[in-house]
PDB file of N, CA and C in Angstrom:
ATOM      1  N   GLY A   1      60.127  75.833-137.722  1.00  0.00           N
ATOM      2  CA  GLY A   1      61.154  74.989-138.294  1.00  0.00           C
ATOM      3  C   GLY A   1      62.464  75.125-137.541  1.00  0.00           C
ATOM      4  N   ALA A   2      63.107  74.022-137.360  1.00  0.00           N
ATOM      5  CA  ALA A   2      64.398  74.016-136.681  1.00  0.00           C
ATOM      6  C   ALA A   2      65.454  74.688-137.560  1.00  0.00           C
ATOM      7  N   THR A   3      66.383  75.413-136.960  1.00  0.00           N
ATOM      8  CA  THR A   3      67.437  76.072-137.730  1.00  0.00           C
ATOM      9  C   THR A   3      68.637  75.162-137.968  1.00  0.00           C
ATOM     10  N   ALA A   4      68.664  73.997-137.314  1.00  0.00           N
ATOM     11  CA  ALA A   4      69.758  73.030-137.468  1.00  0.00           C
ATOM     12  C   ALA A   4      69.213  71.649-137.123  1.00  0.00           C
ATOM     13  N   PRO A   5      69.866  70.590-137.571  1.00  0.00           N
ATOM     14  CA  PRO A   5      69.448  69.257-137.125  1.00  0.00           C
ATOM     15  C   PRO A   5      69.559  69.189-135.595  1.00  0.00           C
ATOM     16  N   THR A   6      68.543  68.682-134.946  1.00  0.00           N
ATOM     17  CA  THR A   6      68.513  68.724-133.482  1.00  0.00           C
ATOM     18  C   THR A   6      67.648  67.621-132.920  1.00  0.00           C
ATOM     19  N   HIS A   7      67.674  67.496-131.618  1.00  0.00           N
ATOM     20  CA  HIS A   7      66.718  66.647-130.911  1.00  0.00           C
ATOM     21  C   HIS A   7      66.252  67.400-129.668  1.00  0.00           C
ATOM     22  N   VAL A   8      65.015  67.123-129.266  1.00  0.00           N
ATOM     23  CA  VAL A   8      64.390  67.781-128.116  1.00  0.00           C
ATOM     24  C   VAL A   8      64.027  66.709-127.102  1.00  0.00           C
ATOM     25  N   THR A   9      64.278  67.018-125.832  1.00  0.00           N
ATOM     26  CA  THR A   9      63.944  66.111-124.740  1.00  0.00           C
ATOM     27  C   THR A   9      63.069  66.849-123.737  1.00  0.00           C
ATOM     28  N   VAL A  10      62.047  66.182-123.228  1.00  0.00           N
ATOM     29  CA  VAL A  10      61.192  66.720-122.171  1.00  0.00           C
ATOM     30  C   VAL A  10      61.187  65.721-121.026  1.00  0.00           C
ATOM     31  N   TRP A  11      61.236  66.228-119.787  1.00  0.00           N
ATOM     32  CA  TRP A  11      61.281  65.351-118.615  1.00  0.00           C
ATOM     33  C   TRP A  11      60.813  66.114-117.380  1.00  0.00           C
ATOM     34  N   PRO A  12      60.463  65.401-116.295  1.00  0.00           N
ATOM     35  CA  PRO A  12      60.078  66.064-115.043  1.00  0.00           C
ATOM     36  C   PRO A  12      61.260  66.857-114.490  1.00  0.00           C
ATOM     37  N   SER A  13      61.047  68.094-114.100  1.00  0.00           N
ATOM     38  CA  SER A  13      62.131  68.967-113.645  1.00  0.00           C
ATOM     39  C   SER A  13      62.859  68.450-112.416  1.00  0.00           C
ATOM     40  N   SER A  14      62.213  67.634-111.618  1.00  0.00           N
ATOM     41  CA  SER A  14      62.835  67.151-110.385  1.00  0.00           C
ATOM     42  C   SER A  14      63.791  65.979-110.632  1.00  0.00           C
ATOM     43  N   GLU A  15      63.934  65.542-111.882  1.00  0.00           N
ATOM     44  CA  GLU A  15      64.797  64.410-112.216  1.00  0.00           C
ATOM     45  C   GLU A  15      65.899  64.853-113.173  1.00  0.00           C
ATOM     46  N   PRO A  16      67.009  64.082-113.248  1.00  0.00           N
ATOM     47  CA  PRO A  16      68.044  64.415-114.235  1.00  0.00           C
ATOM     48  C   PRO A  16      67.542  64.200-115.663  1.00  0.00           C
ATOM     49  N   ARG A  17      68.122  64.941-116.598  1.00  0.00           N
ATOM     50  CA  ARG A  17      67.724  64.813-118.001  1.00  0.00           C
ATOM     51  C   ARG A  17      68.051  63.407-118.507  1.00  0.00           C
ATOM     52  N   PRO A  18      67.079  62.735-119.145  1.00  0.00           N
ATOM     53  CA  PRO A  18      67.347  61.404-119.700  1.00  0.00           C
ATOM     54  C   PRO A  18      68.239  61.486-120.936  1.00  0.00           C
ATOM     55  N   LEU A  19      68.829  60.359-121.306  1.00  0.00           N
ATOM     56  CA  LEU A  19      69.709  60.318-122.475  1.00  0.00           C
ATOM     57  C   LEU A  19      68.927  60.239-123.784  1.00  0.00           C
ATOM     58  N   ALA A  20      67.702  59.735-123.751  1.00  0.00           N
ATOM     59  CA  ALA A  20      66.891  59.572-124.964  1.00  0.00           C
ATOM     60  C   ALA A  20      66.157  60.868-125.302  1.00  0.00           C
ATOM     61  N   SER A  21      65.949  61.096-126.599  1.00  0.00           N
ATOM     62  CA  SER A  21      65.191  62.267-127.040  1.00  0.00           C
ATOM     63  C   SER A  21      63.733  61.886-127.263  1.00  0.00           C
ATOM     64  N   ASN A  22      62.863  62.898-127.265  1.00  0.00           N
ATOM     65  CA  ASN A  22      61.447  62.698-127.544  1.00  0.00           C
ATOM     66  C   ASN A  22      61.086  63.100-128.971  1.00  0.00           C
ATOM     67  N   LEU A  23      61.917  63.921-129.591  1.00  0.00           N
ATOM     68  CA  LEU A  23      61.633  64.425-130.931  1.00  0.00           C
ATOM     69  C   LEU A  23      62.952  64.691-131.644  1.00  0.00           C
ATOM     70  N   ASN A  24      63.090  64.178-132.863  1.00  0.00           N
ATOM     71  CA  ASN A  24      64.275  64.420-133.687  1.00  0.00           C
ATOM     72  C   ASN A  24      63.857  65.221-134.915  1.00  0.00           C
ATOM     73  N   LEU A  25      64.588  66.297-135.195  1.00  0.00           N
ATOM     74  CA  LEU A  25      64.223  67.194-136.290  1.00  0.00           C
ATOM     75  C   LEU A  25      65.401  67.440-137.216  1.00  0.00           C
ATOM     76  N   ALA A  26      65.120  67.526-138.512  1.00  0.00           N
ATOM     77  CA  ALA A  26      66.094  67.988-139.499  1.00  0.00           C
ATOM     78  C   ALA A  26      65.969  69.505-139.612  1.00  0.00           C
ATOM     79  N   ALA A  27      66.990  70.163-140.108  1.00  0.00           N
ATOM     80  CA  ALA A  27      66.933  71.613-140.311  1.00  0.00           C
ATOM     81  C   ALA A  27      65.748  71.955-141.209  1.00  0.00           C
ATOM     82  N   GLY A  28      64.970  72.958-140.815  1.00  0.00           N
ATOM     83  CA  GLY A  28      63.815  73.394-141.591  1.00  0.00           C
ATOM     84  C   GLY A  28      62.552  72.571-141.371  1.00  0.00           C
ATOM     85  N   GLN A  29      62.644  71.496-140.630  1.00  0.00           N
ATOM     86  CA  GLN A  29      61.498  70.601-140.440  1.00  0.00           C
ATOM     87  C   GLN A  29      60.570  71.104-139.336  1.00  0.00           C
ATOM     88  N   THR A  30      59.281  70.966-139.581  1.00  0.00           N
ATOM     89  CA  THR A  30      58.250  71.229-138.588  1.00  0.00           C
ATOM     90  C   THR A  30      57.432  69.956-138.452  1.00  0.00           C
ATOM     91  N   THR A  31      57.202  69.501-137.240  1.00  0.00           N
ATOM     92  CA  THR A  31      56.477  68.249-137.047  1.00  0.00           C
ATOM     93  C   THR A  31      55.709  68.279-135.739  1.00  0.00           C
ATOM     94  N   ALA A  32      54.695  67.445-135.677  1.00  0.00           N
ATOM     95  CA  ALA A  32      53.927  67.267-134.441  1.00  0.00           C
ATOM     96  C   ALA A  32      54.395  65.987-133.766  1.00  0.00           C
ATOM     97  N   ASN A  33      54.229  65.924-132.454  1.00  0.00           N
ATOM     98  CA  ASN A  33      54.650  64.759-131.695  1.00  0.00           C
ATOM     99  C   ASN A  33      53.810  64.673-130.426  1.00  0.00           C
ATOM    100  N   LEU A  34      53.667  63.482-129.898  1.00  0.00           N
ATOM    101  CA  LEU A  34      52.953  63.277-128.638  1.00  0.00           C
ATOM    102  C   LEU A  34      53.900  62.613-127.663  1.00  0.00           C
ATOM    103  N   VAL A  35      54.009  63.184-126.464  1.00  0.00           N
ATOM    104  CA  VAL A  35      54.897  62.662-125.433  1.00  0.00           C
ATOM    105  C   VAL A  35      54.101  62.516-124.147  1.00  0.00           C
ATOM    106  N   LEU A  36      54.224  61.371-123.512  1.00  0.00           N
ATOM    107  CA  LEU A  36      53.633  61.151-122.195  1.00  0.00           C
ATOM    108  C   LEU A  36      54.760  61.212-121.180  1.00  0.00           C
ATOM    109  N   VAL A  37      54.714  62.198-120.301  1.00  0.00           N
ATOM    110  CA  VAL A  37      55.795  62.400-119.331  1.00  0.00           C
ATOM    111  C   VAL A  37      55.191  62.801-117.989  1.00  0.00           C
ATOM    112  N   GLY A  38      55.810  62.343-116.927  1.00  0.00           N
ATOM    113  CA  GLY A  38      55.376  62.743-115.595  1.00  0.00           C
ATOM    114  C   GLY A  38      55.786  64.176-115.308  1.00  0.00           C
ATOM    115  N   LEU A  39      55.190  64.746-114.281  1.00  0.00           N
ATOM    116  CA  LEU A  39      55.519  66.114-113.875  1.00  0.00           C
ATOM    117  C   LEU A  39      56.485  66.085-112.707  1.00  0.00           C
ATOM    118  N   GLY A  40      57.256  67.158-112.555  1.00  0.00           N
ATOM    119  CA  GLY A  40      58.146  67.296-111.417  1.00  0.00           C
ATOM    120  C   GLY A  40      57.358  67.521-110.140  1.00  0.00           C
ATOM    121  N   GLY A  41      58.041  67.587-109.027  1.00  0.00           N
ATOM    122  CA  GLY A  41      57.396  67.759-107.727  1.00  0.00           C
ATOM    123  C   GLY A  41      56.522  68.997-107.629  1.00  0.00           C
ATOM    124  N   ALA A  42      56.891  70.056-108.324  1.00  0.00           N
ATOM    125  CA  ALA A  42      56.110  71.293-108.321  1.00  0.00           C
ATOM    126  C   ALA A  42      55.160  71.349-109.515  1.00  0.00           C
ATOM    127  N   GLY A  43      54.985  70.230-110.215  1.00  0.00           N
ATOM    128  CA  GLY A  43      54.103  70.191-111.383  1.00  0.00           C
ATOM    129  C   GLY A  43      54.732  70.801-112.619  1.00  0.00           C
ATOM    130  N   ASP A  44      56.056  70.762-112.704  1.00  0.00           N
ATOM    131  CA  ASP A  44      56.732  71.412-113.822  1.00  0.00           C
ATOM    132  C   ASP A  44      57.513  70.419-114.682  1.00  0.00           C
ATOM    133  N   LEU A  45      57.918  70.895-115.865  1.00  0.00           N
ATOM    134  CA  LEU A  45      58.665  70.108-116.840  1.00  0.00           C
ATOM    135  C   LEU A  45      59.913  70.874-117.245  1.00  0.00           C
ATOM    136  N   SER A  46      60.893  70.148-117.754  1.00  0.00           N
ATOM    137  CA  SER A  46      62.072  70.766-118.348  1.00  0.00           C
ATOM    138  C   SER A  46      62.137  70.375-119.815  1.00  0.00           C
ATOM    139  N   LEU A  47      62.654  71.287-120.638  1.00  0.00           N
ATOM    140  CA  LEU A  47      62.823  71.058-122.065  1.00  0.00           C
ATOM    141  C   LEU A  47      64.275  71.311-122.433  1.00  0.00           C
ATOM    142  N   TYR A  48      64.821  70.456-123.314  1.00  0.00           N
ATOM    143  CA  TYR A  48      66.195  70.605-123.782  1.00  0.00           C
ATOM    144  C   TYR A  48      66.205  70.523-125.297  1.00  0.00           C
ATOM    145  N   ASN A  49      66.822  71.511-125.929  1.00  0.00           N
ATOM    146  CA  ASN A  49      67.027  71.522-127.372  1.00  0.00           C
ATOM    147  C   ASN A  49      68.528  71.409-127.620  1.00  0.00           C
ATOM    148  N   HIS A  50      68.944  70.427-128.406  1.00  0.00           N
ATOM    149  CA  HIS A  50      70.360  70.131-128.575  1.00  0.00           C
ATOM    150  C   HIS A  50      71.121  71.153-129.424  1.00  0.00           C
ATOM    151  N   ALA A  51      70.544  71.643-130.513  1.00  0.00           N
ATOM    152  CA  ALA A  51      71.290  72.534-131.410  1.00  0.00           C
ATOM    153  C   ALA A  51      70.348  73.503-132.105  1.00  0.00           C
ATOM    154  N   GLY A  52      70.885  74.654-132.481  1.00  0.00           N
ATOM    155  CA  GLY A  52      70.091  75.624-133.228  1.00  0.00           C
ATOM    156  C   GLY A  52      68.947  76.192-132.404  1.00  0.00           C
ATOM    157  N   GLN A  53      67.925  76.638-133.097  1.00  0.00           N
ATOM    158  CA  GLN A  53      66.738  77.204-132.453  1.00  0.00           C
ATOM    159  C   GLN A  53      65.506  76.474-132.946  1.00  0.00           C
ATOM    160  N   VAL A  54      64.553  76.278-132.053  1.00  0.00           N
ATOM    161  CA  VAL A  54      63.257  75.681-132.397  1.00  0.00           C
ATOM    162  C   VAL A  54      62.162  76.454-131.680  1.00  0.00           C
ATOM    163  N   HIS A  55      60.985  76.427-132.241  1.00  0.00           N
ATOM    164  CA  HIS A  55      59.802  76.954-131.587  1.00  0.00           C
ATOM    165  C   HIS A  55      59.024  75.737-131.090  1.00  0.00           C
ATOM    166  N   LEU A  56      58.701  75.719-129.802  1.00  0.00           N
ATOM    167  CA  LEU A  56      57.959  74.600-129.223  1.00  0.00           C
ATOM    168  C   LEU A  56      56.614  75.091-128.713  1.00  0.00           C
ATOM    169  N   VAL A  57      55.577  74.329-128.993  1.00  0.00           N
ATOM    170  CA  VAL A  57      54.243  74.601-128.479  1.00  0.00           C
ATOM    171  C   VAL A  57      53.832  73.392-127.651  1.00  0.00           C
ATOM    172  N   LEU A  58      53.496  73.616-126.397  1.00  0.00           N
ATOM    173  CA  LEU A  58      53.097  72.535-125.501  1.00  0.00           C
ATOM    174  C   LEU A  58      51.623  72.658-125.171  1.00  0.00           C
ATOM    175  N   ASP A  59      50.912  71.569-125.304  1.00  0.00           N
ATOM    176  CA  ASP A  59      49.519  71.493-124.897  1.00  0.00           C
ATOM    177  C   ASP A  59      49.401  70.397-123.854  1.00  0.00           C
ATOM    178  N   VAL A  60      48.797  70.714-122.718  1.00  0.00           N
ATOM    179  CA  VAL A  60      48.517  69.689-121.720  1.00  0.00           C
ATOM    180  C   VAL A  60      47.176  69.084-122.074  1.00  0.00           C
ATOM    181  N   VAL A  61      47.181  67.793-122.377  1.00  0.00           N
ATOM    182  CA  VAL A  61      45.967  67.108-122.797  1.00  0.00           C
ATOM    183  C   VAL A  61      45.292  66.432-121.618  1.00  0.00           C
ATOM    184  N   ALA A  62      46.094  65.941-120.680  1.00  0.00           N
ATOM    185  CA  ALA A  62      45.537  65.250-119.515  1.00  0.00           C
ATOM    186  C   ALA A  62      46.493  65.374-118.359  1.00  0.00           C
ATOM    187  N   TYR A  63      45.965  65.222-117.169  1.00  0.00           N
ATOM    188  CA  TYR A  63      46.756  65.207-115.959  1.00  0.00           C
ATOM    189  C   TYR A  63      46.389  63.955-115.204  1.00  0.00           C
ATOM    190  N   LEU A  64      47.357  63.062-115.047  1.00  0.00           N
ATOM    191  CA  LEU A  64      47.112  61.777-114.380  1.00  0.00           C
ATOM    192  C   LEU A  64      47.757  61.777-113.004  1.00  0.00           C
ATOM    193  N   ARG A  65      47.073  61.188-112.038  1.00  0.00           N
ATOM    194  CA  ARG A  65      47.650  61.057-110.691  1.00  0.00           C
ATOM    195  C   ARG A  65      47.856  59.620-110.383  1.00  0.00           C
TER     196      ARG A  65
END
């Protein structure tokens, strides 16, 4: 559960962080979400949490070329 109202963004590490969020959470809320995002040049991702603390679990479901 998030400790404060927040939003989380995921994006390819080789690019600047986008302005849009992928997940919006209220304080205490736990939710599932699905995001389709490209990978950075080294096959990596960046994550940004706007406020408070959250626990994030990432599962790679597919890898597209």
